[in-house]
Amino acid sequence: MARKTPWIGTSWKMNKLRAEARSFAETLKASPAAQASAVQPFVIPPYPYIADVAAGETDDTVARKVAAALRHGLIALVCIGDTKEEHAAGATADVLARQTRFALRDVAAAAPGKVILAYEPVWSIGEGGIPAEPAFANDQHKRIKALTVEVCGRALPVLYGGSVNPQNCCDLALQSDIDGLFIGRSAWNAEGYIGIIDAVTAALGEHA
């Protein structure tokens, strides 16, 4: 089986000032992690929020945003996830299937190479979030990817995001159907992000 090249990324949300963002970028650029070939690093810097969207998103608006991103030559990173209540009710798979179908509704065959999905359990993200067990996350990813084959004709990459940290990053990244990691606070400083890239790279090397 060909060795996978997982995506390893982070979103800063609104946590950095301009000088801090520049410092992070310079530190990352100067590190070996910037030239990593065993993983595909990416960083999503902050952007000004628009007050009009303060009421939240719907499955329909997500679908329209994905289509708009593709029309303008962008790669869409679409986060899907179940709430604590949905998870407790055993509805995770159904929720993710619905969200995935909506997200791909208007793009379908155009999605391969243009859309990346990220499973971010709502109950896992943020301070106090509980990371999904690697085997559970992998099972959800397997289901999601099978659905993307059905809808798009080809499996789309699916990343895991939800309390990813230096302790669980390797176990998650080594799962067969997890195509990478979408990291929050553990990668908000350059050293933390680089440390996770290095750890995952070493783990992949050991399991090659």
C-alpha atoms as a PDB file:
ATOM      1  CA  MET A   1       0.000   0.000   0.000  1.00  0.00           C
ATOM      2  CA  ALA A   2       1.344   3.418  -0.952  1.00  0.00           C
ATOM      3  CA  ARG A   3       2.444   5.559   1.941  1.00  0.00           C
ATOM      4  CA  LYS A   4       0.028   8.408   2.559  1.00  0.00           C
ATOM      5  CA  THR A   5       1.011  12.058   2.813  1.00  0.00           C
ATOM      6  CA  PRO A   6      -1.248  13.524   5.516  1.00  0.00           C
ATOM      7  CA  TRP A   7      -2.293  17.147   5.698  1.00  0.00           C
ATOM      8  CA  ILE A   8      -1.165  18.845   8.932  1.00  0.00           C
ATOM      9  CA  GLY A   9      -2.753  22.246   9.408  1.00  0.00           C
ATOM     10  CA  THR A  10      -3.915  24.842  11.871  1.00  0.00           C
ATOM     11  CA  SER A  11      -6.422  27.668  12.010  1.00  0.00           C
ATOM     12  CA  TRP A  12      -5.542  30.637  14.220  1.00  0.00           C
ATOM     13  CA  LYS A  13      -9.143  31.825  14.308  1.00  0.00           C
ATOM     14  CA  MET A  14      -8.777  35.385  15.746  1.00  0.00           C
ATOM     15  CA  ASN A  15      -5.937  34.728  18.140  1.00  0.00           C
ATOM     16  CA  LYS A  16      -2.994  36.647  16.643  1.00  0.00           C
ATOM     17  CA  LEU A  17      -1.993  40.239  16.058  1.00  0.00           C
ATOM     18  CA  ARG A  18      -0.287  41.117  12.774  1.00  0.00           C
ATOM     19  CA  ALA A  19       3.205  41.062  14.312  1.00  0.00           C
ATOM     20  CA  GLU A  20       2.569  37.672  15.903  1.00  0.00           C
ATOM     21  CA  ALA A  21       1.307  36.272  12.619  1.00  0.00           C
ATOM     22  CA  ARG A  22       4.420  37.540  10.831  1.00  0.00           C
ATOM     23  CA  SER A  23       6.689  36.045  13.500  1.00  0.00           C
ATOM     24  CA  PHE A  24       4.943  32.671  13.201  1.00  0.00           C
ATOM     25  CA  ALA A  25       5.317  32.700   9.415  1.00  0.00           C
ATOM     26  CA  GLU A  26       9.012  33.608   9.601  1.00  0.00           C
ATOM     27  CA  THR A  27       9.706  30.896  12.186  1.00  0.00           C
ATOM     28  CA  LEU A  28       7.885  28.280  10.137  1.00  0.00           C
ATOM     29  CA  LYS A  29       9.570  29.346   6.901  1.00  0.00           C
ATOM     30  CA  ALA A  30      13.004  29.018   8.497  1.00  0.00           C
ATOM     31  CA  SER A  31      12.303  25.529   9.881  1.00  0.00           C
ATOM     32  CA  PRO A  32      12.764  22.155   8.137  1.00  0.00           C
ATOM     33  CA  ALA A  33       9.021  21.637   8.591  1.00  0.00           C
ATOM     34  CA  ALA A  34       8.392  24.147   5.789  1.00  0.00           C
ATOM     35  CA  GLN A  35      10.095  21.772   3.362  1.00  0.00           C
ATOM     36  CA  ALA A  36       8.444  18.627   4.730  1.00  0.00           C
ATOM     37  CA  SER A  37       7.682  16.055   2.055  1.00  0.00           C
ATOM     38  CA  ALA A  38       6.214  13.358   4.300  1.00  0.00           C
ATOM     39  CA  VAL A  39       3.382  15.697   5.307  1.00  0.00           C
ATOM     40  CA  GLN A  40       1.544  18.618   3.681  1.00  0.00           C
ATOM     41  CA  PRO A  41       1.564  21.601   6.067  1.00  0.00           C
ATOM     42  CA  PHE A  42      -1.001  24.392   5.818  1.00  0.00           C
ATOM     43  CA  VAL A  43      -1.922  27.433   7.919  1.00  0.00           C
ATOM     44  CA  ILE A  44      -5.201  29.356   7.856  1.00  0.00           C
ATOM     45  CA  PRO A  45      -4.552  32.869   9.194  1.00  0.00           C
ATOM     46  CA  PRO A  46      -7.278  35.032  10.763  1.00  0.00           C
ATOM     47  CA  TYR A  47      -9.619  37.235   8.786  1.00  0.00           C
ATOM     48  CA  PRO A  48     -12.125  39.888   9.879  1.00  0.00           C
ATOM     49  CA  TYR A  49     -15.477  38.421  10.775  1.00  0.00           C
ATOM     50  CA  ILE A  50     -18.526  39.810   9.017  1.00  0.00           C
ATOM     51  CA  ALA A  51     -21.242  40.874  11.458  1.00  0.00           C
ATOM     52  CA  ASP A  52     -23.996  39.713   9.141  1.00  0.00           C
ATOM     53  CA  VAL A  53     -23.047  36.052   9.637  1.00  0.00           C
ATOM     54  CA  ALA A  54     -23.151  36.252  13.445  1.00  0.00           C
ATOM     55  CA  ALA A  55     -26.387  34.224  13.471  1.00  0.00           C
ATOM     56  CA  GLY A  56     -24.390  31.125  12.202  1.00  0.00           C
ATOM     57  CA  GLU A  57     -24.479  28.966   9.061  1.00  0.00           C
ATOM     58  CA  THR A  58     -26.877  26.415   7.600  1.00  0.00           C
ATOM     59  CA  ASP A  59     -26.186  23.355   5.451  1.00  0.00           C
ATOM     60  CA  ASP A  60     -27.493  25.350   2.488  1.00  0.00           C
ATOM     61  CA  THR A  61     -25.132  28.303   2.988  1.00  0.00           C
ATOM     62  CA  VAL A  62     -22.199  25.904   3.350  1.00  0.00           C
ATOM     63  CA  ALA A  63     -23.137  24.287   0.032  1.00  0.00           C
ATOM     64  CA  ARG A  64     -23.274  27.673  -1.679  1.00  0.00           C
ATOM     65  CA  LYS A  65     -19.937  28.758  -0.182  1.00  0.00           C
ATOM     66  CA  VAL A  66     -18.251  25.564  -1.403  1.00  0.00           C
ATOM     67  CA  ALA A  67     -19.583  26.134  -4.916  1.00  0.00           C
ATOM     68  CA  ALA A  68     -18.483  29.784  -4.843  1.00  0.00           C
ATOM     69  CA  ALA A  69     -14.987  28.825  -3.687  1.00  0.00           C
ATOM     70  CA  LEU A  70     -14.584  26.393  -6.562  1.00  0.00           C
ATOM     71  CA  ARG A  71     -15.894  28.914  -9.104  1.00  0.00           C
ATOM     72  CA  HIS A  72     -13.156  31.302  -8.042  1.00  0.00           C
ATOM     73  CA  GLY A  73     -10.361  28.740  -8.188  1.00  0.00           C
ATOM     74  CA  LEU A  74     -10.041  28.224  -4.440  1.00  0.00           C
ATOM     75  CA  ILE A  75      -9.680  24.990  -2.487  1.00  0.00           C
ATOM     76  CA  ALA A  76     -12.567  24.628  -0.050  1.00  0.00           C
ATOM     77  CA  LEU A  77     -11.859  23.219   3.412  1.00  0.00           C
ATOM     78  CA  VAL A  78     -15.264  22.226   4.796  1.00  0.00           C
ATOM     79  CA  CYS A  79     -15.710  21.393   8.469  1.00  0.00           C
ATOM     80  CA  ILE A  80     -18.424  18.912   9.441  1.00  0.00           C
ATOM     81  CA  GLY A  81     -19.222  17.650  12.911  1.00  0.00           C
ATOM     82  CA  ASP A  82     -21.723  16.271  15.397  1.00  0.00           C
ATOM     83  CA  THR A  83     -22.848  17.904  18.636  1.00  0.00           C
ATOM     84  CA  LYS A  84     -22.495  16.290  22.040  1.00  0.00           C
ATOM     85  CA  GLU A  85     -26.206  15.457  22.003  1.00  0.00           C
ATOM     86  CA  GLU A  86     -26.035  13.902  18.534  1.00  0.00           C
ATOM     87  CA  HIS A  87     -22.993  11.894  19.526  1.00  0.00           C
ATOM     88  CA  ALA A  88     -24.679  10.635  22.704  1.00  0.00           C
ATOM     89  CA  ALA A  89     -27.728   9.622  20.693  1.00  0.00           C
ATOM     90  CA  GLY A  90     -25.613   7.555  18.295  1.00  0.00           C
ATOM     91  CA  ALA A  91     -26.489   9.857  15.403  1.00  0.00           C
ATOM     92  CA  THR A  92     -22.937  10.814  14.417  1.00  0.00           C
ATOM     93  CA  ALA A  93     -22.843   8.890  11.130  1.00  0.00           C
ATOM     94  CA  ASP A  94     -26.225  10.212   9.983  1.00  0.00           C
ATOM     95  CA  VAL A  95     -25.326  13.809  10.864  1.00  0.00           C
ATOM     96  CA  LEU A  96     -22.016  13.646   9.023  1.00  0.00           C
ATOM     97  CA  ALA A  97     -23.626  12.030   5.985  1.00  0.00           C
ATOM     98  CA  ARG A  98     -26.223  14.810   5.793  1.00  0.00           C
ATOM     99  CA  GLN A  99     -23.635  17.548   6.162  1.00  0.00           C
ATOM    100  CA  THR A 100     -21.336  15.944   3.589  1.00  0.00           C
ATOM    101  CA  ARG A 101     -24.111  15.549   1.018  1.00  0.00           C
ATOM    102  CA  PHE A 102     -25.110  19.191   1.448  1.00  0.00           C
ATOM    103  CA  ALA A 103     -21.529  20.432   1.242  1.00  0.00           C
ATOM    104  CA  LEU A 104     -21.013  18.602  -2.057  1.00  0.00           C
ATOM    105  CA  ARG A 105     -24.504  19.266  -3.404  1.00  0.00           C
ATOM    106  CA  ASP A 106     -23.532  21.841  -6.005  1.00  0.00           C
ATOM    107  CA  VAL A 107     -20.041  20.634  -6.926  1.00  0.00           C
ATOM    108  CA  ALA A 108     -20.113  16.814  -7.122  1.00  0.00           C
ATOM    109  CA  ALA A 109     -17.715  15.692  -9.875  1.00  0.00           C
ATOM    110  CA  ALA A 110     -15.782  18.983  -9.665  1.00  0.00           C
ATOM    111  CA  ALA A 111     -14.862  18.358  -6.023  1.00  0.00           C
ATOM    112  CA  PRO A 112     -11.848  15.993  -6.305  1.00  0.00           C
ATOM    113  CA  GLY A 113      -8.701  18.040  -5.906  1.00  0.00           C
ATOM    114  CA  LYS A 114     -10.753  21.092  -4.939  1.00  0.00           C
ATOM    115  CA  VAL A 115     -12.535  20.128  -1.702  1.00  0.00           C
ATOM    116  CA  ILE A 116     -11.071  18.875   1.570  1.00  0.00           C
ATOM    117  CA  LEU A 117     -13.349  17.807   4.414  1.00  0.00           C
ATOM    118  CA  ALA A 118     -12.484  18.030   8.095  1.00  0.00           C
ATOM    119  CA  TYR A 119     -14.342  16.050  10.745  1.00  0.00           C
ATOM    120  CA  GLU A 120     -14.469  18.326  13.783  1.00  0.00           C
ATOM    121  CA  PRO A 121     -16.731  16.913  16.499  1.00  0.00           C
ATOM    122  CA  VAL A 122     -18.333  19.886  18.247  1.00  0.00           C
ATOM    123  CA  TRP A 123     -17.762  18.066  21.541  1.00  0.00           C
ATOM    124  CA  SER A 124     -14.029  17.867  20.834  1.00  0.00           C
ATOM    125  CA  ILE A 125     -13.151  21.422  19.868  1.00  0.00           C
ATOM    126  CA  GLY A 126     -12.224  24.313  22.117  1.00  0.00           C
ATOM    127  CA  GLU A 127     -10.958  24.466  25.663  1.00  0.00           C
ATOM    128  CA  GLY A 128     -12.233  21.468  27.607  1.00  0.00           C
ATOM    129  CA  GLY A 129     -12.975  19.511  24.439  1.00  0.00           C
ATOM    130  CA  ILE A 130     -12.582  15.739  24.516  1.00  0.00           C
ATOM    131  CA  PRO A 131     -10.583  14.246  21.634  1.00  0.00           C
ATOM    132  CA  ALA A 132     -12.345  11.512  19.690  1.00  0.00           C
ATOM    133  CA  GLU A 133     -10.813   8.077  20.135  1.00  0.00           C
ATOM    134  CA  PRO A 134      -8.631   7.386  17.093  1.00  0.00           C
ATOM    135  CA  ALA A 135     -10.551   4.229  16.151  1.00  0.00           C
ATOM    136  CA  PHE A 136     -13.901   6.058  16.393  1.00  0.00           C
ATOM    137  CA  ALA A 137     -12.616   8.959  14.320  1.00  0.00           C
ATOM    138  CA  ASN A 138     -11.197   6.566  11.739  1.00  0.00           C
ATOM    139  CA  ASP A 139     -14.535   4.799  11.415  1.00  0.00           C
ATOM    140  CA  GLN A 140     -16.294   8.109  10.747  1.00  0.00           C
ATOM    141  CA  HIS A 141     -13.664   9.058   8.183  1.00  0.00           C
ATOM    142  CA  LYS A 142     -14.098   5.729   6.424  1.00  0.00           C
ATOM    143  CA  ARG A 143     -17.852   6.336   6.160  1.00  0.00           C
ATOM    144  CA  ILE A 144     -17.387   9.913   4.962  1.00  0.00           C
ATOM    145  CA  LYS A 145     -14.874   8.904   2.301  1.00  0.00           C
ATOM    146  CA  ALA A 146     -17.153   6.130   1.032  1.00  0.00           C
ATOM    147  CA  LEU A 147     -19.899   8.713   0.672  1.00  0.00           C
ATOM    148  CA  THR A 148     -17.617  11.083  -1.242  1.00  0.00           C
ATOM    149  CA  VAL A 149     -16.869   8.261  -3.690  1.00  0.00           C
ATOM    150  CA  GLU A 150     -20.611   7.823  -4.177  1.00  0.00           C
ATOM    151  CA  VAL A 151     -21.227  11.549  -4.694  1.00  0.00           C
ATOM    152  CA  CYS A 152     -18.023  12.646  -6.471  1.00  0.00           C
ATOM    153  CA  GLY A 153     -16.717   9.472  -8.081  1.00  0.00           C
ATOM    154  CA  ARG A 154     -13.525   9.668  -6.038  1.00  0.00           C
ATOM    155  CA  ALA A 155     -12.636   9.786  -2.355  1.00  0.00           C
ATOM    156  CA  LEU A 156     -11.950  13.262  -0.998  1.00  0.00           C
ATOM    157  CA  PRO A 157      -9.329  13.874   1.720  1.00  0.00           C
ATOM    158  CA  VAL A 158     -10.823  13.943   5.214  1.00  0.00           C
ATOM    159  CA  LEU A 159      -8.846  15.523   8.054  1.00  0.00           C
ATOM    160  CA  TYR A 160      -9.499  15.142  11.769  1.00  0.00           C
ATOM    161  CA  GLY A 161      -9.785  18.217  13.985  1.00  0.00           C
ATOM    162  CA  GLY A 162     -10.785  18.242  17.619  1.00  0.00           C
ATOM    163  CA  SER A 163      -8.372  18.656  20.532  1.00  0.00           C
ATOM    164  CA  VAL A 164      -5.426  17.400  18.483  1.00  0.00           C
ATOM    165  CA  ASN A 165      -2.320  17.680  20.650  1.00  0.00           C
ATOM    166  CA  PRO A 166       1.269  16.395  20.868  1.00  0.00           C
ATOM    167  CA  GLN A 167       0.070  13.347  22.799  1.00  0.00           C
ATOM    168  CA  ASN A 168      -2.524  12.095  20.308  1.00  0.00           C
ATOM    169  CA  CYS A 169      -1.348  13.493  16.966  1.00  0.00           C
ATOM    170  CA  CYS A 170       0.577  10.400  15.907  1.00  0.00           C
ATOM    171  CA  ASP A 171      -2.131   7.899  16.877  1.00  0.00           C
ATOM    172  CA  LEU A 172      -4.637   9.914  14.865  1.00  0.00           C
ATOM    173  CA  ALA A 173      -2.396  10.507  11.846  1.00  0.00           C
ATOM    174  CA  LEU A 174      -1.519   6.809  11.578  1.00  0.00           C
ATOM    175  CA  GLN A 175      -5.150   5.717  11.247  1.00  0.00           C
ATOM    176  CA  SER A 176      -5.845   4.238   7.812  1.00  0.00           C
ATOM    177  CA  ASP A 177      -8.640   6.609   6.807  1.00  0.00           C
ATOM    178  CA  ILE A 178      -7.523   9.827   8.494  1.00  0.00           C
ATOM    179  CA  ASP A 179      -5.821  11.912   5.817  1.00  0.00           C
ATOM    180  CA  GLY A 180      -4.386  14.553   8.108  1.00  0.00           C
ATOM    181  CA  LEU A 181      -4.929  16.800  11.094  1.00  0.00           C
ATOM    182  CA  PHE A 182      -6.572  20.195  11.541  1.00  0.00           C
ATOM    183  CA  ILE A 183      -5.075  21.612  14.731  1.00  0.00           C
ATOM    184  CA  GLY A 184      -6.248  24.352  17.031  1.00  0.00           C
ATOM    185  CA  ARG A 185      -4.555  25.707  20.141  1.00  0.00           C
ATOM    186  CA  SER A 186      -1.724  23.146  20.111  1.00  0.00           C
ATOM    187  CA  ALA A 187      -0.421  24.794  16.935  1.00  0.00           C
ATOM    188  CA  TRP A 188      -1.066  28.436  17.740  1.00  0.00           C
ATOM    189  CA  ASN A 189       2.645  28.988  18.267  1.00  0.00           C
ATOM    190  CA  ALA A 190       5.155  28.000  15.622  1.00  0.00           C
ATOM    191  CA  GLU A 191       7.100  25.693  17.912  1.00  0.00           C
ATOM    192  CA  GLY A 192       3.976  23.683  18.783  1.00  0.00           C
ATOM    193  CA  TYR A 193       2.992  23.353  15.131  1.00  0.00           C
ATOM    194  CA  ILE A 194       6.499  22.361  14.049  1.00  0.00           C
ATOM    195  CA  GLY A 195       6.690  19.861  16.915  1.00  0.00           C
ATOM    196  CA  ILE A 196       3.543  18.098  15.721  1.00  0.00           C
ATOM    197  CA  ILE A 197       4.780  18.030  12.115  1.00  0.00           C
ATOM    198  CA  ASP A 198       8.076  16.521  13.289  1.00  0.00           C
ATOM    199  CA  ALA A 199       6.342  13.935  15.491  1.00  0.00           C
ATOM    200  CA  VAL A 200       3.971  12.822  12.748  1.00  0.00           C
ATOM    201  CA  THR A 201       6.790  12.701  10.191  1.00  0.00           C
ATOM    202  CA  ALA A 202       8.859  10.479  12.509  1.00  0.00           C
ATOM    203  CA  ALA A 203       5.884   8.219  13.223  1.00  0.00           C
ATOM    204  CA  LEU A 204       5.162   7.792   9.510  1.00  0.00           C
ATOM    205  CA  GLY A 205       8.793   6.881   8.953  1.00  0.00           C
ATOM    206  CA  GLU A 206       8.643   4.202  11.629  1.00  0.00           C
ATOM    207  CA  HIS A 207       5.508   2.668  10.087  1.00  0.00           C
ATOM    208  CA  ALA A 208       6.536   2.907   6.447  1.00  0.00           C
END
